[in-house]
Amino acid sequence: MIGSPLVAWWVAHAAFWVLLALAVRDRRWRTIGVIGVLWVIGYIASSQVRSLSLFFMPYVAALDIALVFIVLKRDIRFG
């Protein structure tokens, strides 16, 4: 059964990869490298330490927020 945490996990990861693709389009190689390395570090740490797996989704969401500010150069307004 799918719950809201799983939906949030999918939304955070989909947004992450879309924003990373936008960074590739804009040729922001340093941003891609830094964010990519941070994602890999979080992924490896969450798989090595069982208690850190709960913090991987919010970690990716924080990377999404950083990518929005860096790639889009603005905040996203709702409404």
N, C-alpha and C. Protein backbone atom coordinates (compact mmCIF):
# COMPACT_ATOMS: atom_id res chain seq x y z
N MET A 1 0.84 -1.18 0.00
CA MET A 1 0.00 0.00 0.00
C MET A 1 0.89 1.24 0.00
N ILE A 2 0.51 2.21 -0.75
CA ILE A 2 1.30 3.43 -0.86
C ILE A 2 0.78 4.46 0.13
N GLY A 3 1.70 5.10 0.81
CA GLY A 3 1.33 6.13 1.79
C GLY A 3 1.92 7.47 1.40
N SER A 4 1.61 8.48 2.18
CA SER A 4 2.10 9.82 1.85
C SER A 4 3.62 9.94 1.96
N PRO A 5 4.31 9.24 2.87
CA PRO A 5 5.78 9.33 2.85
C PRO A 5 6.39 8.80 1.56
N LEU A 6 5.80 7.73 1.02
CA LEU A 6 6.33 7.18 -0.23
C LEU A 6 6.06 8.13 -1.39
N VAL A 7 4.90 8.76 -1.40
CA VAL A 7 4.59 9.74 -2.44
C VAL A 7 5.55 10.92 -2.35
N ALA A 8 5.82 11.39 -1.13
CA ALA A 8 6.77 12.49 -0.95
C ALA A 8 8.16 12.09 -1.41
N TRP A 9 8.55 10.84 -1.18
CA TRP A 9 9.85 10.35 -1.63
C TRP A 9 9.95 10.42 -3.14
N TRP A 10 8.90 9.96 -3.83
CA TRP A 10 8.91 10.00 -5.28
C TRP A 10 8.90 11.42 -5.83
N VAL A 11 8.13 12.30 -5.22
CA VAL A 11 8.09 13.70 -5.67
C VAL A 11 9.44 14.37 -5.48
N ALA A 12 10.08 14.14 -4.33
CA ALA A 12 11.39 14.75 -4.07
C ALA A 12 12.43 14.25 -5.07
N HIS A 13 12.42 12.96 -5.36
CA HIS A 13 13.40 12.43 -6.31
C HIS A 13 13.11 12.85 -7.74
N ALA A 14 11.85 12.89 -8.11
CA ALA A 14 11.52 13.35 -9.47
C ALA A 14 11.94 14.81 -9.66
N ALA A 15 11.65 15.64 -8.66
CA ALA A 15 12.05 17.05 -8.74
C ALA A 15 13.57 17.18 -8.78
N PHE A 16 14.27 16.35 -8.02
CA PHE A 16 15.73 16.39 -8.01
C PHE A 16 16.31 16.12 -9.39
N TRP A 17 15.83 15.06 -10.05
CA TRP A 17 16.39 14.71 -11.35
C TRP A 17 15.97 15.70 -12.43
N VAL A 18 14.78 16.26 -12.33
CA VAL A 18 14.36 17.29 -13.30
C VAL A 18 15.21 18.55 -13.14
N LEU A 19 15.44 18.97 -11.90
CA LEU A 19 16.27 20.15 -11.66
C LEU A 19 17.72 19.90 -12.06
N LEU A 20 18.20 18.69 -11.87
CA LEU A 20 19.56 18.37 -12.31
C LEU A 20 19.65 18.41 -13.84
N ALA A 21 18.60 17.96 -14.53
CA ALA A 21 18.57 18.04 -15.99
C ALA A 21 18.54 19.50 -16.45
N LEU A 22 17.83 20.35 -15.74
CA LEU A 22 17.83 21.77 -16.08
C LEU A 22 19.22 22.39 -15.86
N ALA A 23 19.91 21.92 -14.84
CA ALA A 23 21.28 22.41 -14.62
C ALA A 23 22.20 21.96 -15.74
N VAL A 24 22.00 20.76 -16.27
CA VAL A 24 22.80 20.29 -17.41
C VAL A 24 22.50 21.15 -18.63
N ARG A 25 21.22 21.48 -18.83
CA ARG A 25 20.85 22.33 -19.96
C ARG A 25 21.53 23.69 -19.89
N ASP A 26 21.65 24.23 -18.67
CA ASP A 26 22.29 25.53 -18.49
C ASP A 26 23.81 25.43 -18.37
N ARG A 27 24.36 24.22 -18.48
CA ARG A 27 25.80 23.96 -18.39
C ARG A 27 26.39 24.45 -17.07
N ARG A 28 25.74 24.13 -15.98
CA ARG A 28 26.23 24.46 -14.64
C ARG A 28 26.97 23.25 -14.09
N TRP A 29 28.17 23.01 -14.62
CA TRP A 29 28.91 21.80 -14.31
C TRP A 29 29.34 21.72 -12.85
N ARG A 30 29.76 22.83 -12.27
CA ARG A 30 30.18 22.82 -10.87
C ARG A 30 29.00 22.53 -9.95
N THR A 31 27.85 23.12 -10.25
CA THR A 31 26.64 22.85 -9.46
C THR A 31 26.26 21.38 -9.56
N ILE A 32 26.31 20.82 -10.77
CA ILE A 32 25.97 19.42 -10.96
C ILE A 32 26.93 18.53 -10.17
N GLY A 33 28.21 18.86 -10.22
CA GLY A 33 29.21 18.08 -9.49
C GLY A 33 29.01 18.12 -7.99
N VAL A 34 28.80 19.31 -7.45
CA VAL A 34 28.65 19.46 -6.00
C VAL A 34 27.37 18.78 -5.52
N ILE A 35 26.25 19.06 -6.18
CA ILE A 35 24.97 18.47 -5.77
C ILE A 35 24.99 16.95 -5.99
N GLY A 36 25.60 16.52 -7.08
CA GLY A 36 25.70 15.08 -7.34
C GLY A 36 26.51 14.36 -6.27
N VAL A 37 27.63 14.94 -5.89
CA VAL A 37 28.46 14.34 -4.83
C VAL A 37 27.71 14.33 -3.50
N LEU A 38 27.01 15.41 -3.18
CA LEU A 38 26.23 15.44 -1.95
C LEU A 38 25.13 14.38 -1.95
N TRP A 39 24.48 14.17 -3.11
CA TRP A 39 23.45 13.15 -3.20
C TRP A 39 24.04 11.76 -3.00
N VAL A 40 25.19 11.49 -3.64
CA VAL A 40 25.84 10.18 -3.50
C VAL A 40 26.27 9.94 -2.06
N ILE A 41 26.82 10.96 -1.40
CA ILE A 41 27.21 10.82 0.01
C ILE A 41 25.99 10.48 0.86
N GLY A 42 24.89 11.17 0.66
CA GLY A 42 23.67 10.88 1.41
C GLY A 42 23.12 9.51 1.11
N TYR A 43 23.19 9.08 -0.14
CA TYR A 43 22.70 7.76 -0.53
C TYR A 43 23.52 6.67 0.12
N ILE A 44 24.83 6.81 0.06
CA ILE A 44 25.71 5.80 0.66
C ILE A 44 25.55 5.78 2.17
N ALA A 45 25.50 6.95 2.79
CA ALA A 45 25.34 7.01 4.25
C ALA A 45 24.01 6.41 4.69
N SER A 46 22.95 6.64 3.92
CA SER A 46 21.65 6.10 4.31
C SER A 46 21.58 4.59 4.13
N SER A 47 22.38 4.04 3.23
CA SER A 47 22.37 2.59 3.06
C SER A 47 23.30 1.90 4.06
N GLN A 48 24.31 2.61 4.58
CA GLN A 48 25.25 2.02 5.52
C GLN A 48 24.74 2.04 6.95
N VAL A 49 24.07 3.12 7.33
CA VAL A 49 23.56 3.28 8.69
C VAL A 49 22.05 3.23 8.63
N ARG A 50 21.46 2.23 9.26
CA ARG A 50 20.01 1.98 9.15
C ARG A 50 19.19 3.19 9.60
N SER A 51 19.59 3.86 10.68
CA SER A 51 18.80 4.98 11.20
C SER A 51 18.85 6.20 10.28
N LEU A 52 19.85 6.29 9.41
CA LEU A 52 19.94 7.43 8.50
C LEU A 52 19.02 7.29 7.28
N SER A 53 18.48 6.11 7.05
CA SER A 53 17.59 5.94 5.90
C SER A 53 16.32 6.78 6.02
N LEU A 54 15.93 7.08 7.26
CA LEU A 54 14.75 7.93 7.46
C LEU A 54 15.01 9.39 7.07
N PHE A 55 16.27 9.79 7.09
CA PHE A 55 16.62 11.19 6.81
C PHE A 55 17.01 11.44 5.36
N PHE A 56 17.00 10.40 4.53
CA PHE A 56 17.41 10.59 3.13
C PHE A 56 16.38 11.40 2.35
N MET A 57 15.09 11.16 2.57
CA MET A 57 14.05 11.91 1.85
C MET A 57 14.11 13.41 2.17
N PRO A 58 14.17 13.82 3.45
CA PRO A 58 14.29 15.25 3.71
C PRO A 58 15.61 15.84 3.20
N TYR A 59 16.65 15.01 3.18
CA TYR A 59 17.95 15.44 2.65
C TYR A 59 17.84 15.76 1.16
N VAL A 60 17.17 14.89 0.41
CA VAL A 60 16.97 15.15 -1.02
C VAL A 60 16.07 16.36 -1.22
N ALA A 61 15.08 16.53 -0.37
CA ALA A 61 14.21 17.71 -0.48
C ALA A 61 15.01 19.00 -0.24
N ALA A 62 15.95 18.97 0.70
CA ALA A 62 16.81 20.15 0.93
C ALA A 62 17.70 20.41 -0.28
N LEU A 63 18.21 19.35 -0.91
CA LEU A 63 18.98 19.53 -2.14
C LEU A 63 18.10 20.11 -3.25
N ASP A 64 16.83 19.71 -3.28
CA ASP A 64 15.89 20.28 -4.26
C ASP A 64 15.73 21.78 -4.06
N ILE A 65 15.60 22.19 -2.82
CA ILE A 65 15.45 23.62 -2.53
C ILE A 65 16.68 24.39 -2.99
N ALA A 66 17.86 23.84 -2.71
CA ALA A 66 19.10 24.49 -3.16
C ALA A 66 19.15 24.57 -4.68
N LEU A 67 18.75 23.50 -5.35
CA LEU A 67 18.75 23.51 -6.81
C LEU A 67 17.77 24.51 -7.39
N VAL A 68 16.62 24.68 -6.77
CA VAL A 68 15.64 25.67 -7.24
C VAL A 68 16.25 27.06 -7.20
N PHE A 69 16.89 27.40 -6.09
CA PHE A 69 17.50 28.72 -5.98
C PHE A 69 18.67 28.90 -6.94
N ILE A 70 19.47 27.86 -7.15
CA ILE A 70 20.66 27.98 -8.01
C ILE A 70 20.28 27.95 -9.49
N VAL A 71 19.47 26.97 -9.89
CA VAL A 71 19.17 26.78 -11.31
C VAL A 71 18.13 27.76 -11.81
N LEU A 72 17.03 27.91 -11.08
CA LEU A 72 15.97 28.80 -11.52
C LEU A 72 16.20 30.26 -11.14
N LYS A 73 17.13 30.49 -10.22
CA LYS A 73 17.51 31.83 -9.77
C LYS A 73 16.34 32.59 -9.15
N ARG A 74 15.39 31.86 -8.59
CA ARG A 74 14.25 32.49 -7.93
C ARG A 74 13.54 31.44 -7.08
N ASP A 75 12.58 31.90 -6.32
CA ASP A 75 11.74 31.02 -5.54
C ASP A 75 10.51 30.66 -6.37
N ILE A 76 9.91 29.53 -6.09
CA ILE A 76 8.69 29.14 -6.79
C ILE A 76 7.49 29.59 -5.98
N ARG A 77 6.63 30.36 -6.58
CA ARG A 77 5.43 30.86 -5.91
C ARG A 77 4.26 29.97 -6.22
N PHE A 78 3.48 29.65 -5.20
CA PHE A 78 2.26 28.89 -5.37
C PHE A 78 1.08 29.81 -5.12
N GLY A 79 0.20 29.90 -6.08
CA GLY A 79 -1.00 30.71 -5.89
C GLY A 79 -0.93 32.09 -6.43
